[in-house]
Every structure is written in structure tokens, then in C-alpha cells.
N, C-alpha and C. Protein backbone atom coordinates (compact mmCIF):
# COMPACT_ATOMS: atom_id res chain seq x y z
N MET A 1 0.88 -1.44 0.15
CA MET A 1 -0.06 0.08 0.22
C MET A 1 0.78 1.08 0.02
N LEU A 2 2.09 0.79 1.16
CA LEU A 2 2.58 2.37 0.87
C LEU A 2 3.39 2.59 -0.74
N ARG A 3 4.13 1.51 -1.20
CA ARG A 3 4.52 1.79 -2.57
C ARG A 3 3.40 2.83 -3.28
N LYS A 4 2.19 2.21 -3.21
CA LYS A 4 1.09 2.29 -4.25
C LYS A 4 1.41 4.23 -4.73
N ILE A 5 1.14 4.74 -3.00
CA ILE A 5 0.65 5.88 -2.52
C ILE A 5 2.28 6.89 -3.26
N ASN A 6 3.11 6.03 -3.16
CA ASN A 6 4.97 6.84 -3.41
C ASN A 6 4.46 6.87 -5.01
N GLU A 7 4.20 6.07 -5.73
CA GLU A 7 4.16 6.21 -7.03
C GLU A 7 3.29 7.10 -7.42
N ALA A 8 2.20 7.42 -6.90
CA ALA A 8 1.36 8.06 -7.07
C ALA A 8 2.22 9.65 -7.22
N THR A 9 2.35 9.50 -6.27
CA THR A 9 2.86 11.05 -5.33
C THR A 9 4.07 11.95 -6.50
N THR A 10 4.86 10.48 -6.79
CA THR A 10 6.38 11.00 -7.66
C THR A 10 6.02 11.47 -9.18
N MET A 11 6.85 12.46 -9.72
CA MET A 11 6.72 12.48 -10.91
C MET A 11 7.65 11.76 -11.76
N GLY A 12 7.47 10.63 -12.85
CA GLY A 12 8.12 10.64 -13.12
C GLY A 12 9.29 10.64 -14.56
N PHE A 13 10.17 10.46 -15.11
CA PHE A 13 11.08 11.03 -16.22
C PHE A 13 10.01 12.10 -17.14
N PRO A 14 9.14 10.85 -17.40
CA PRO A 14 8.00 10.81 -18.90
C PRO A 14 7.11 12.42 -18.33
N ARG A 15 6.96 12.74 -17.34
CA ARG A 15 5.47 13.62 -16.80
C ARG A 15 6.34 14.64 -16.84
N ILE A 16 7.64 14.61 -15.96
CA ILE A 16 8.27 15.99 -16.34
C ILE A 16 8.52 16.55 -17.46
N CYS A 17 8.81 15.24 -18.47
CA CYS A 17 9.25 16.17 -19.97
C CYS A 17 7.86 16.62 -20.26
N GLY A 18 7.05 16.21 -19.86
CA GLY A 18 5.70 16.61 -20.40
C GLY A 18 5.31 18.12 -20.09
N LEU A 19 5.51 18.10 -18.92
CA LEU A 19 5.51 19.51 -17.94
C LEU A 19 6.47 20.46 -18.50
N ALA A 20 7.71 19.84 -18.98
CA ALA A 20 8.72 20.43 -20.03
C ALA A 20 8.21 21.35 -20.79
N ALA A 21 7.28 20.88 -21.90
CA ALA A 21 6.81 20.96 -23.24
C ALA A 21 5.87 21.91 -22.90
N LEU A 22 5.00 22.28 -21.55
CA LEU A 22 4.38 22.97 -22.05
C LEU A 22 4.93 24.40 -21.78
N GLY A 23 6.07 23.97 -20.39
CA GLY A 23 6.49 25.48 -20.12
C GLY A 23 7.52 25.88 -21.45
N PHE A 24 8.03 25.03 -22.59
CA PHE A 24 8.17 25.63 -23.43
C PHE A 24 7.92 26.37 -24.70
N ALA A 25 6.17 25.58 -24.26
CA ALA A 25 5.25 26.86 -25.32
C ALA A 25 5.02 27.87 -24.62
N ALA A 26 4.51 28.13 -23.43
CA ALA A 26 4.85 29.30 -22.48
C ALA A 26 5.60 30.31 -22.78
N MET A 27 6.98 29.77 -22.98
CA MET A 27 8.10 30.78 -23.01
C MET A 27 8.18 31.24 -24.37
N ILE A 28 7.80 30.33 -25.45
CA ILE A 28 8.39 30.84 -26.53
C ILE A 28 6.43 32.12 -26.87
N SER A 29 5.34 31.61 -26.17
CA SER A 29 4.30 32.60 -25.96
C SER A 29 4.89 33.67 -25.55
N LEU A 30 5.32 33.64 -24.64
CA LEU A 30 5.70 35.14 -24.09
C LEU A 30 6.61 36.02 -24.62
N SER A 31 8.21 35.04 -25.14
CA SER A 31 8.30 35.96 -25.87
C SER A 31 8.01 36.45 -27.24
N ASN A 32 6.49 36.12 -28.27
CA ASN A 32 6.06 36.23 -28.67
C ASN A 32 5.16 37.38 -28.41
N VAL A 33 4.67 37.43 -27.18
CA VAL A 33 3.70 38.63 -26.11
C VAL A 33 4.56 39.79 -26.68
N ILE A 34 5.44 40.01 -26.11
CA ILE A 34 6.77 40.26 -25.26
C ILE A 34 7.07 41.16 -27.07
N GLN A 35 8.00 40.68 -28.24
CA GLN A 35 8.41 41.62 -29.12
C GLN A 35 6.95 41.62 -30.22
N VAL A 36 6.09 40.95 -30.14
CA VAL A 36 4.93 41.70 -31.69
C VAL A 36 4.67 42.29 -31.23
N PRO A 37 4.28 42.78 -30.41
CA PRO A 37 3.26 44.15 -29.82
C PRO A 37 4.12 45.63 -30.30
N ALA A 38 5.66 45.26 -29.94
CA ALA A 38 6.29 46.40 -29.95
C ALA A 38 6.84 46.47 -31.15
N GLY A 39 6.35 45.92 -32.56
CA GLY A 39 6.49 46.16 -33.75
C GLY A 39 7.66 45.22 -34.80
N LEU A 40 7.75 44.30 -33.68
CA LEU A 40 9.07 43.06 -34.52
C LEU A 40 8.68 42.89 -36.26
N PRO A 41 9.51 42.91 -36.57
CA PRO A 41 8.56 43.28 -38.38
C PRO A 41 9.03 42.03 -38.49
N VAL A 42 8.03 41.24 -39.34
CA VAL A 42 8.15 40.24 -40.12
C VAL A 42 9.23 39.88 -41.67
N ALA A 43 8.59 38.30 -41.54
CA ALA A 43 9.74 38.00 -43.28
C ALA A 43 9.01 39.39 -44.11
N GLY A 44 10.23 39.34 -44.96
CA GLY A 44 10.29 40.39 -45.71
C GLY A 44 9.61 41.68 -45.63
N ALA A 45 9.90 42.52 -44.39
CA ALA A 45 9.77 44.11 -44.12
C ALA A 45 11.09 44.31 -44.69
N GLY A 46 10.43 45.77 -45.15
CA GLY A 46 11.69 46.25 -45.62
C GLY A 46 13.03 47.16 -44.80
N LEU A 47 13.93 47.17 -45.09
CA LEU A 47 15.20 47.36 -44.30
C LEU A 47 14.99 48.16 -43.61
N GLY A 48 14.63 50.18 -44.03
CA GLY A 48 13.97 50.69 -43.05
C GLY A 48 13.39 50.68 -41.74
N GLU A 49 12.09 49.67 -41.79
CA GLU A 49 11.23 49.09 -40.62
C GLU A 49 12.46 48.04 -39.82
N VAL A 50 13.46 47.31 -40.45
CA VAL A 50 13.76 46.47 -40.01
C VAL A 50 15.40 47.15 -38.98
N ILE A 51 15.90 48.02 -39.43
CA ILE A 51 16.88 49.33 -38.70
C ILE A 51 15.70 50.11 -37.75
N ALA A 52 14.76 50.09 -37.97
CA ALA A 52 13.86 52.05 -36.75
C ALA A 52 13.57 50.70 -35.76
N PHE A 53 13.01 49.26 -36.04
CA PHE A 53 13.13 48.72 -34.72
C PHE A 53 14.13 47.92 -34.22
N PHE A 54 15.39 47.53 -34.33
CA PHE A 54 16.43 46.64 -33.56
C PHE A 54 16.95 48.06 -33.04
N GLY A 55 16.90 48.90 -33.82
CA GLY A 55 17.67 50.24 -33.22
C GLY A 55 17.10 51.29 -32.14
N THR A 56 15.67 51.48 -32.44
CA THR A 56 14.81 51.91 -31.41
C THR A 56 14.30 50.65 -29.79
N GLU A 57 14.24 49.35 -30.25
CA GLU A 57 13.54 48.80 -29.15
C GLU A 57 14.83 47.52 -28.91
N SER A 58 15.75 47.96 -28.43
CA SER A 58 16.64 47.04 -28.22
C SER A 58 16.94 46.35 -26.30
N ARG A 59 16.34 47.12 -25.64
CA ARG A 59 15.78 46.58 -24.46
C ARG A 59 14.20 45.10 -24.80
N ILE A 60 13.66 45.48 -25.88
CA ILE A 60 12.44 44.40 -26.41
C ILE A 60 13.01 43.19 -26.56
N VAL A 61 13.73 43.69 -27.39
CA VAL A 61 14.46 42.72 -27.99
C VAL A 61 15.32 41.60 -26.78
N GLY A 62 16.06 42.66 -26.03
CA GLY A 62 17.00 41.98 -24.75
C GLY A 62 16.10 40.74 -24.49
N ILE A 63 14.74 41.21 -23.64
CA ILE A 63 14.18 40.85 -22.96
C ILE A 63 13.49 39.82 -23.55
N GLY A 64 12.95 39.56 -24.92
CA GLY A 64 12.83 38.42 -25.67
C GLY A 64 13.28 37.52 -25.48
N SER A 65 14.86 37.98 -26.17
CA SER A 65 15.85 36.82 -26.13
C SER A 65 16.19 36.59 -24.94
N ALA A 66 15.87 37.06 -23.99
CA ALA A 66 16.23 36.27 -22.73
C ALA A 66 15.56 34.94 -22.12
N LEU A 67 14.59 34.73 -22.75
CA LEU A 67 14.06 33.73 -22.65
C LEU A 67 13.77 32.40 -23.01
N THR A 68 14.26 32.62 -24.14
CA THR A 68 15.06 31.83 -25.51
C THR A 68 16.34 30.79 -25.19
N PRO A 69 16.93 31.06 -24.37
CA PRO A 69 18.17 30.05 -24.15
C PRO A 69 16.52 28.79 -22.91
N ALA A 70 15.78 29.02 -22.32
CA ALA A 70 14.87 28.47 -21.20
C ALA A 70 13.84 27.61 -22.34
N ALA A 71 13.55 28.00 -23.15
CA ALA A 71 12.51 27.70 -23.79
C ALA A 71 13.25 26.36 -25.02
N TRP A 72 14.94 26.57 -24.93
CA TRP A 72 15.49 25.66 -25.70
C TRP A 72 15.54 24.40 -24.71
N VAL A 73 16.02 24.60 -23.95
CA VAL A 73 16.17 23.35 -22.32
C VAL A 73 14.92 22.76 -22.38
N LEU A 74 14.10 23.34 -22.61
CA LEU A 74 12.45 22.33 -22.05
C LEU A 74 12.33 21.89 -23.39
N ALA A 75 12.73 22.60 -24.41
CA ALA A 75 11.92 21.62 -25.77
C ALA A 75 12.72 20.69 -25.42
N THR A 76 14.04 20.34 -25.11
CA THR A 76 14.76 19.25 -25.71
C THR A 76 14.98 18.25 -24.37
N MET A 77 14.34 19.02 -22.90
CA MET A 77 13.34 17.77 -22.34
C MET A 77 13.03 16.94 -22.77
N PHE A 78 11.70 17.72 -23.82
CA PHE A 78 10.13 17.24 -24.00
C PHE A 78 10.93 16.39 -25.08
N GLY A 79 11.99 16.71 -25.39
CA GLY A 79 12.58 15.29 -27.02
C GLY A 79 13.30 13.98 -26.33
N ALA A 80 13.60 14.75 -25.02
CA ALA A 80 14.85 13.48 -24.49
C ALA A 80 13.41 12.62 -23.76
N GLY A 81 11.83 13.25 -23.39
CA GLY A 81 10.68 12.43 -22.69
C GLY A 81 10.55 11.76 -24.07
N VAL A 82 10.38 12.41 -24.64
CA VAL A 82 9.40 11.61 -26.00
C VAL A 82 10.43 10.05 -26.36
N VAL A 83 11.62 10.71 -26.49
CA VAL A 83 12.71 9.47 -26.40
C VAL A 83 12.24 8.32 -25.59
N SER A 84 12.56 8.29 -24.38
CA SER A 84 12.63 7.78 -23.20
C SER A 84 10.98 6.66 -23.69
N VAL A 85 9.83 7.58 -23.72
CA VAL A 85 8.57 6.59 -23.53
C VAL A 85 8.87 5.61 -25.30
N LEU A 86 9.48 6.26 -26.27
CA LEU A 86 9.45 5.44 -27.93
C LEU A 86 10.37 4.40 -27.88
N TRP A 87 11.53 4.28 -27.14
CA TRP A 87 12.90 4.20 -27.50
C TRP A 87 12.52 2.07 -27.08
N ARG A 88 11.79 1.71 -26.47
CA ARG A 88 11.60 0.18 -25.94
C ARG A 88 11.04 -0.04 -27.23
N SER A 89 10.02 0.20 -27.80
CA SER A 89 9.13 -0.12 -28.58
C SER A 89 9.53 -0.17 -30.18
N GLU A 90 10.40 1.06 -30.26
CA GLU A 90 11.17 1.35 -31.67
C GLU A 90 12.46 0.11 -31.57
N ARG A 91 13.40 0.31 -30.26
CA ARG A 91 14.12 -1.06 -30.47
C ARG A 91 13.90 -2.83 -31.08
N ARG A 92 12.56 -2.81 -30.25
CA ARG A 92 11.83 -3.83 -30.94
C ARG A 92 11.55 -4.27 -32.50
N ARG A 93 11.26 -3.30 -32.94
CA ARG A 93 10.90 -2.75 -34.80
C ARG A 93 12.17 -2.27 -35.15
N GLY A 94 13.44 -2.31 -34.71
CA GLY A 94 14.30 -2.09 -35.10
C GLY A 94 14.29 -0.32 -36.15
N GLU A 95 13.71 0.48 -35.05
CA GLU A 95 13.56 1.48 -35.86
C GLU A 95 14.02 2.74 -34.96
N ALA A 96 14.12 3.49 -35.08
CA ALA A 96 15.24 4.96 -34.43
C ALA A 96 14.43 6.60 -35.22
N TRP A 97 12.66 6.27 -34.97
CA TRP A 97 12.42 7.56 -35.54
C TRP A 97 12.22 9.24 -34.14
N SER A 98 12.05 8.82 -33.27
CA SER A 98 12.41 9.42 -31.39
C SER A 98 13.67 10.32 -31.66
N LEU A 99 14.73 8.79 -31.96
CA LEU A 99 16.32 9.74 -32.02
C LEU A 99 16.42 10.92 -33.30
N LEU A 100 15.51 10.50 -34.22
CA LEU A 100 15.79 11.27 -36.04
C LEU A 100 14.73 12.87 -35.35
N GLY A 101 13.74 12.50 -34.38
CA GLY A 101 13.37 13.71 -34.03
C GLY A 101 13.80 14.45 -32.74
N LEU A 102 14.71 13.75 -32.17
CA LEU A 102 15.69 14.32 -30.82
C LEU A 102 16.44 14.93 -31.80
N ALA A 103 17.42 14.83 -32.60
CA ALA A 103 18.01 15.77 -33.39
C ALA A 103 18.26 16.78 -34.22
N GLY A 104 16.41 15.90 -35.09
CA GLY A 104 16.23 17.68 -35.24
C GLY A 104 15.95 18.54 -34.27
N LEU A 105 15.02 18.48 -33.37
CA LEU A 105 15.32 19.72 -32.06
C LEU A 105 16.69 20.45 -31.77
N VAL A 106 16.87 19.58 -31.97
CA VAL A 106 18.70 20.50 -31.02
C VAL A 106 18.99 21.03 -32.23
N LEU A 107 18.69 20.75 -33.83
CA LEU A 107 18.87 21.57 -34.68
C LEU A 107 18.20 22.79 -35.00
N GLN A 108 17.24 22.59 -35.04
CA GLN A 108 16.23 23.35 -34.62
C GLN A 108 16.75 24.77 -33.38
N ASN A 109 17.18 24.22 -32.38
CA ASN A 109 17.65 24.30 -31.18
C ASN A 109 18.99 25.98 -32.07
N ALA A 110 19.86 25.41 -32.25
CA ALA A 110 20.88 26.04 -33.50
C ALA A 110 20.83 26.71 -33.73
N ALA A 111 19.66 26.28 -35.44
CA ALA A 111 19.53 27.27 -35.50
C ALA A 111 18.80 28.64 -35.46
N PHE A 112 17.78 28.62 -34.40
CA PHE A 112 17.19 30.00 -33.23
C PHE A 112 18.51 30.36 -32.86
N ALA A 113 19.46 30.10 -32.18
CA ALA A 113 20.64 30.40 -31.82
C ALA A 113 21.12 31.25 -32.85
N GLY A 114 21.33 31.31 -33.83
CA GLY A 114 22.01 31.79 -34.74
C GLY A 114 20.87 33.17 -35.05
N VAL A 115 19.81 33.08 -34.84
CA VAL A 115 18.34 33.99 -35.52
C VAL A 115 18.65 35.00 -34.27
N ILE A 116 18.92 34.33 -32.53
CA ILE A 116 18.92 35.08 -31.60
C ILE A 116 20.15 35.93 -31.58
N ALA A 117 20.90 35.97 -32.20
CA ALA A 117 22.16 35.84 -32.27
C ALA A 117 22.12 37.15 -33.10
N ILE A 118 21.73 36.61 -34.00
CA ILE A 118 21.05 37.97 -35.36
C ILE A 118 20.32 39.20 -35.15
N ARG A 119 19.64 38.76 -34.15
CA ARG A 119 18.71 39.48 -33.63
C ARG A 119 19.59 40.86 -32.32
N LEU A 120 20.20 39.74 -31.54
CA LEU A 120 21.23 40.89 -30.54
C LEU A 120 22.19 41.95 -31.84
N ALA A 121 22.58 41.09 -32.66
CA ALA A 121 23.01 42.36 -33.07
C ALA A 121 23.11 43.28 -34.03
N LEU A 122 21.56 42.84 -34.84
CA LEU A 122 21.39 44.36 -35.23
C LEU A 122 20.90 45.34 -33.49
N THR A 123 20.44 44.71 -32.66
CA THR A 123 20.38 46.12 -31.88
C THR A 123 21.44 46.83 -31.62
N SER A 124 22.37 46.15 -31.72
CA SER A 124 23.46 46.91 -31.59
C SER A 124 24.44 47.47 -32.11
N THR A 125 24.36 47.31 -33.55
CA THR A 125 24.36 47.62 -34.54
C THR A 125 23.81 49.27 -35.14
N ALA A 126 22.39 48.35 -35.32
CA ALA A 126 20.67 49.53 -35.88
C ALA A 126 20.74 50.33 -34.82
N SER A 127 21.35 50.80 -33.78
CA SER A 127 21.45 51.65 -32.51
C SER A 127 22.64 52.80 -33.29
N GLU A 128 23.38 52.32 -33.86
CA GLU A 128 24.36 53.64 -33.83
C GLU A 128 23.67 53.83 -35.63
N ASP A 129 23.10 53.24 -36.55
CA ASP A 129 22.99 54.24 -37.28
C ASP A 129 21.64 54.23 -38.11
N THR A 130 21.11 55.00 -37.43
CA THR A 130 19.19 54.94 -37.31
C THR A 130 18.90 55.79 -38.33
N ALA A 131 19.80 57.11 -38.79
CA ALA A 131 19.28 58.18 -39.72
C ALA A 131 18.89 57.71 -40.67
N PRO A 132 18.14 57.65 -41.55
CA PRO A 132 17.76 56.77 -42.77
C PRO A 132 18.45 58.31 -44.18
N ASP A 133 19.25 57.58 -44.89
CA ASP A 133 19.41 59.02 -46.19
C ASP A 133 18.30 58.32 -47.08
N GLY A 134 18.62 58.97 -48.16
CA GLY A 134 17.25 59.00 -48.95
C GLY A 134 16.62 58.39 -50.17
N ASN A 135 17.55 57.13 -49.62
CA ASN A 135 17.81 55.46 -50.14
C ASN A 135 16.45 54.75 -50.00
N GLY A 136 16.36 54.98 -48.51
CA GLY A 136 15.46 54.04 -47.15
C GLY A 136 16.89 53.11 -46.61
N THR A 137 17.51 53.04 -46.30
CA THR A 137 19.00 52.80 -46.50
C THR A 137 19.86 53.60 -44.92
N ALA A 138 20.21 52.96 -44.23
CA ALA A 138 20.76 53.70 -42.96
C ALA A 138 22.04 54.51 -43.91
N ALA A 139 22.38 55.67 -43.31
CA ALA A 139 22.72 56.79 -43.59
C ALA A 139 24.35 56.04 -43.92
N SER A 140 24.58 55.17 -43.01
CA SER A 140 26.08 54.77 -42.90
C SER A 140 25.68 53.18 -43.11
N ASP A 141 26.37 52.56 -43.70
CA ASP A 141 26.04 50.90 -44.05
C ASP A 141 26.06 50.07 -43.12
N TRP A 142 25.49 49.37 -41.73
CA TRP A 142 25.16 48.80 -41.17
C TRP A 142 25.92 47.84 -41.19
N SER A 143 26.27 47.06 -42.64
CA SER A 143 26.38 45.67 -42.55
C SER A 143 28.02 45.91 -43.15
N ARG A 144 28.58 46.98 -43.36
CA ARG A 144 30.17 47.26 -44.18
C ARG A 144 31.07 46.78 -42.13
N PRO A 145 31.99 46.02 -42.63
CA PRO A 145 33.34 45.87 -41.25
C PRO A 145 33.21 47.39 -41.14
N ARG A 146 33.77 47.17 -39.59
CA ARG A 146 34.26 48.27 -38.81
C ARG A 146 35.21 48.39 -38.51
N CYS A 147 36.75 48.96 -38.71
CA CYS A 147 37.68 49.11 -38.84
C CYS A 147 38.16 49.63 -37.10
N SER A 148 39.97 49.14 -36.76
CA SER A 148 40.14 50.04 -35.97
C SER A 148 41.88 49.13 -35.92
N SER A 149 42.81 50.70 -35.50
CA SER A 149 43.82 50.25 -35.42
C SER A 149 44.04 49.09 -34.44
N ALA A 150 43.45 48.70 -33.00
CA ALA A 150 43.41 47.83 -32.22
C ALA A 150 43.02 46.37 -33.04
N ARG A 151 42.05 45.95 -34.38
CA ARG A 151 41.82 44.76 -34.89
C ARG A 151 42.89 44.45 -35.93
N PRO A 152 43.52 43.31 -35.55
CA PRO A 152 44.36 42.91 -37.24
C PRO A 152 43.80 42.98 -38.27
N PRO A 153 44.55 43.42 -39.36
CA PRO A 153 43.83 43.12 -40.40
C PRO A 153 43.60 41.24 -41.05
N SER A 154 42.64 42.23 -42.29
CA SER A 154 41.43 40.96 -42.31
C SER A 154 42.58 39.81 -42.89
N PRO A 155 41.84 38.43 -43.00
CA PRO A 155 42.69 37.74 -43.51
C PRO A 155 42.43 37.72 -45.28
N ARG A 156 43.36 37.20 -45.65
CA ARG A 156 42.90 37.49 -47.37
C ARG A 156 42.13 36.76 -48.10
N GLY A 157 41.34 36.52 -48.78
CA GLY A 157 40.24 36.83 -49.06
C GLY A 157 39.52 36.10 -48.53
N SER A 158 37.90 36.05 -49.24
CA SER A 158 36.44 36.36 -48.44
C SER A 158 35.25 35.50 -48.77
N SER A 159 34.21 35.03 -48.71
CA SER A 159 33.60 33.84 -49.42
C SER A 159 33.08 34.18 -50.50
N ALA A 160 33.58 36.30 -50.58
CA ALA A 160 32.55 36.25 -52.07
C ALA A 160 33.62 36.10 -53.23
N GLY A 161 35.33 36.31 -53.03
CA GLY A 161 35.89 36.01 -53.69
C GLY A 161 36.90 37.49 -53.88
N VAL A 162 36.60 38.34 -53.12
CA VAL A 162 36.88 39.81 -52.81
C VAL A 162 38.19 39.58 -52.27
N THR A 163 39.56 39.87 -52.56
CA THR A 163 40.92 39.41 -51.76
C THR A 163 40.90 41.08 -51.14
N LEU A 164 40.87 40.42 -50.12
CA LEU A 164 41.36 41.78 -48.82
C LEU A 164 43.09 42.26 -48.21
N SER A 165 43.44 42.98 -48.42
CA SER A 165 44.55 42.69 -47.82
C SER A 165 44.83 43.71 -46.12
N GLY A 166 43.79 43.86 -46.12
CA GLY A 166 44.40 44.39 -44.26
C GLY A 166 42.82 45.82 -43.82
N CYS A 167 43.56 46.56 -43.38
CA CYS A 167 42.59 47.81 -42.71
C CYS A 167 43.67 49.11 -43.58
N SER A 168 44.43 49.02 -44.17
CA SER A 168 44.98 49.96 -45.18
C SER A 168 44.47 51.70 -45.23
N GLY A 169 42.91 50.77 -45.65
CA GLY A 169 42.40 52.13 -46.42
C GLY A 169 42.81 52.90 -46.91
N SER A 170 43.76 52.75 -48.30
CA SER A 170 44.71 53.15 -49.17
C SER A 170 43.86 53.68 -50.07
N SER A 171 42.92 52.77 -50.25
CA SER A 171 41.58 53.21 -51.74
C SER A 171 40.51 53.73 -51.25
N GLY A 172 40.60 54.65 -50.10
CA GLY A 172 39.52 55.16 -49.84
C GLY A 172 38.75 54.54 -49.16
N GLY A 173 38.38 54.28 -47.77
CA GLY A 173 37.11 53.49 -47.48
C GLY A 173 37.64 52.21 -46.19
N CYS A 174 37.02 51.67 -45.91
CA CYS A 174 37.50 51.06 -43.99
C CYS A 174 37.70 48.89 -44.99
N CYS A 175 39.00 48.42 -44.81
CA CYS A 175 39.42 47.61 -45.37
C CYS A 175 38.92 47.02 -47.03
N GLY A 176 38.93 47.96 -47.50
CA GLY A 176 38.81 48.18 -49.32
C GLY A 176 37.21 48.61 -49.58
N TRP A 177 36.88 48.56 -48.95
CA TRP A 177 35.34 49.10 -48.66
C TRP A 177 35.46 50.15 -48.99
N SER A 178 34.42 51.04 -50.90
CA SER A 178 34.06 52.53 -50.82
C SER A 178 33.13 52.93 -51.16
N GLY A 179 32.52 53.58 -50.07
CA GLY A 179 30.94 53.96 -50.47
C GLY A 179 30.21 51.86 -50.98
N SER A 180 29.52 51.98 -52.25
CA SER A 180 28.57 50.94 -52.31
C SER A 180 29.18 49.70 -52.35
N SER A 181 30.61 49.90 -53.26
CA SER A 181 31.02 49.28 -54.04
C SER A 181 32.16 49.26 -53.47
N ARG A 182 32.74 47.58 -53.72
CA ARG A 182 33.78 46.64 -52.74
C ARG A 182 35.08 46.27 -53.87
N THR A 183 36.06 47.13 -53.38
CA THR A 183 37.04 47.09 -54.13
C THR A 183 38.24 46.18 -52.84
N ALA A 184 39.44 45.78 -53.61
CA ALA A 184 39.93 45.08 -52.57
C ALA A 184 41.42 46.37 -52.24
N SER A 185 41.93 46.21 -50.73
CA SER A 185 42.95 47.38 -51.07
C SER A 185 44.85 46.86 -51.38
N PRO A 186 44.91 47.71 -52.50
CA PRO A 186 46.55 47.30 -52.76
C PRO A 186 47.24 47.22 -51.54
């Protein structure tokens, strides 16, 4: 009798992981409730709208982003709970779909880590360059690399096939960038 009472009052791993799924949904919803009413740009929004939002709402983006790591942990716990429930029956059938799902969940977390990193990077760079010029872009191109004497010269070559030889600025621009055209420094 004592054993039955103990089993009824303790939570097993699958139940804890089920609660983690509810926590994940709550964290993602809360993050969206904070950021969307503040004007979080949707996919396909204009550059001016993106720069304006990330330049003025860095605190909102920071708060929304602070919830995300907890959501990732909770989602991973849920995935582990699914694996723990399905693993025995999948092994009998010679399948591993639950492991594939868990791997997908981990990859999803990695992808969203990149999204959150980009959002946080936009808040720090867009706030420096929020004055639009006549073309609907920032007066100084926030995607252009920033050079300083404290930073070592950039490595030769880039993924775009442009060879850069450092930050000498001899061709009139930072690291060989001059205006909107990309030129290599001699």
C-alpha cells in the first residue's frame, strides 16, 4: 500500500518532460507577446523598418531573447522524454524515429540560436546607424565591417571572392570598401 502512494505522488521522467513541453510553449508565447506588439518586423519587411525597430527597441529584443535559452532547454527535455517513452518499442521494431526527432530538435535549437544572435547583433549595430538617407537605407552601411587600429588585418580572401589585404584604407574606405562598391586594397 505504501508503495502505491509513493508511485502516485512522485513524478516520473516522462511526466516532467511533458511539463517541460508546456513550459516551452509558455516561454515561446511570452517572448512573442513581448516582441510582436512592440513592432517586431515580419519576414519580408523593408530594411528601413528593420533598422528602425532594432535601433529603438533593443531592450524589448533583449528581454524576449533572454527567455529563449530556457525554451531551448525545455524543448530538449521534452524531446528526451519522447525518446524515453518510445525507445523500447522502437528498438523491438528496429527503428529510431524518436532519435531522429530529437536530433532535429537539437538542430532547430542551433538554428534559432543563430536567429537570436542576429537579432541581438542588429540591436547593437542598428542603434548606431538609425539615420536613414534618401534611399531608405542607413546613412552608414551597418553591414559594412568596422575597422580600427586595434583589430588585426583581415585575412586574405572572402567567401565573395574579394581579396582584402588589411585595413590600410589606401583605396578610400574601410578594409577596401569604398561607398557601395567593394574594392580590394592594394
